[in-house]
Amino acid sequence: MIEDLPEIREQLQKHWQTNGLDLVKRGFRPEAVFETMMTVGLAGFIEVHGRESVAERLVLMAQRLSEQVREEAQAVSEAARATKN
């Protein structure tokens, strides 16, 4: 990973966002643009880091996303209960 180079990561993220949005503006569906970007990026990531390492990272990412979804659902539920009282 390039955590030790945050300025490079930030620059690359801006370029990828710009490229993705440009493709959407050209008429490509956002779902297709970002799914394709993810697929290509994942293939390159696997090539650089190996399948096992990437699989472990994806599992961790999925767990974090699941936790966020649970927390958001809990917050919505609590807010709904609070507004009923």
Protein backbone atom coordinates (compact mmCIF):
# COMPACT_ATOMS: atom_id res chain seq x y z
CA MET A 1 0.00 0.00 0.00
CA ILE A 2 1.00 3.60 -0.35
CA GLU A 3 -0.11 4.86 3.08
CA ASP A 4 3.37 6.30 3.51
CA LEU A 5 2.74 8.59 0.53
CA PRO A 6 -0.58 10.34 1.30
CA GLU A 7 0.06 13.15 -1.18
CA ILE A 8 0.39 10.63 -4.01
CA ARG A 9 -2.74 8.78 -2.88
CA GLU A 10 -4.67 12.05 -2.78
CA GLN A 11 -3.51 13.05 -6.27
CA LEU A 12 -4.38 9.65 -7.72
CA GLN A 13 -7.82 9.66 -6.10
CA LYS A 14 -8.56 13.08 -7.61
CA HIS A 15 -7.48 11.87 -11.06
CA TRP A 16 -9.59 8.71 -10.83
CA GLN A 17 -12.61 10.72 -9.68
CA THR A 18 -12.14 13.20 -12.50
CA ASN A 19 -11.77 10.41 -15.08
CA GLY A 20 -14.82 8.57 -13.77
CA LEU A 21 -16.99 11.68 -13.76
CA ASP A 22 -15.76 12.61 -17.24
CA LEU A 23 -16.89 9.22 -18.55
CA VAL A 24 -20.31 9.71 -16.94
CA LYS A 25 -20.58 13.16 -18.54
CA ARG A 26 -19.79 11.55 -21.90
CA GLY A 27 -22.89 9.40 -21.52
CA PHE A 28 -21.68 6.19 -19.91
CA ARG A 29 -23.89 4.90 -17.11
CA PRO A 30 -22.35 5.57 -13.66
CA GLU A 31 -22.89 1.94 -12.64
CA ALA A 32 -20.93 0.71 -15.64
CA VAL A 33 -18.14 3.28 -15.22
CA PHE A 34 -17.46 2.61 -11.57
CA GLU A 35 -17.98 -1.15 -11.74
CA THR A 36 -15.50 -1.31 -14.62
CA MET A 37 -13.01 0.92 -12.78
CA MET A 38 -13.30 -1.34 -9.74
CA THR A 39 -12.87 -4.50 -11.82
CA VAL A 40 -9.79 -3.19 -13.61
CA GLY A 41 -8.34 -1.82 -10.37
CA LEU A 42 -8.96 -5.08 -8.53
CA ALA A 43 -7.28 -7.10 -11.27
CA GLY A 44 -4.21 -4.87 -11.06
CA PHE A 45 -4.25 -4.98 -7.27
CA ILE A 46 -4.30 -8.79 -7.37
CA GLU A 47 -1.40 -8.79 -9.80
CA VAL A 48 0.65 -6.53 -7.51
CA HIS A 49 -0.27 -8.04 -4.12
CA GLY A 50 -1.44 -11.59 -4.85
CA ARG A 51 -4.79 -13.28 -4.51
CA GLU A 52 -4.52 -14.28 -0.85
CA SER A 53 -3.51 -10.83 0.35
CA VAL A 54 -6.25 -9.17 -1.69
CA ALA A 55 -8.85 -11.69 -0.51
CA GLU A 56 -7.97 -10.93 3.11
CA ARG A 57 -8.20 -7.20 2.47
CA LEU A 58 -11.57 -7.57 0.72
CA VAL A 59 -12.94 -9.56 3.65
CA LEU A 60 -11.85 -6.80 6.04
CA MET A 61 -13.42 -4.15 3.80
CA ALA A 62 -16.68 -6.12 3.63
CA GLN A 63 -16.73 -6.45 7.42
CA ARG A 64 -16.23 -2.70 7.83
CA LEU A 65 -19.00 -1.95 5.34
CA SER A 66 -21.33 -4.38 7.13
CA GLU A 67 -20.57 -2.69 10.45
CA GLN A 68 -21.30 0.73 8.94
CA VAL A 69 -24.60 -0.51 7.50
CA ARG A 70 -25.60 -1.96 10.90
CA GLU A 71 -24.63 1.26 12.69
CA GLU A 72 -26.57 3.39 10.20
CA ALA A 73 -29.62 1.14 10.47
CA GLN A 74 -29.44 1.32 14.26
CA ALA A 75 -29.14 5.13 14.15
CA VAL A 76 -32.17 5.39 11.84
CA SER A 77 -34.15 3.07 14.10
CA GLU A 78 -33.21 5.06 17.21
CA ALA A 79 -34.07 8.34 15.50
CA ALA A 80 -37.45 6.96 14.47
CA ARG A 81 -38.19 5.84 18.03
CA ALA A 82 -37.06 9.22 19.41
CA THR A 83 -39.39 11.15 17.08
CA LYS A 84 -42.36 8.98 18.08
CA ASN A 85 -42.01 9.97 21.74
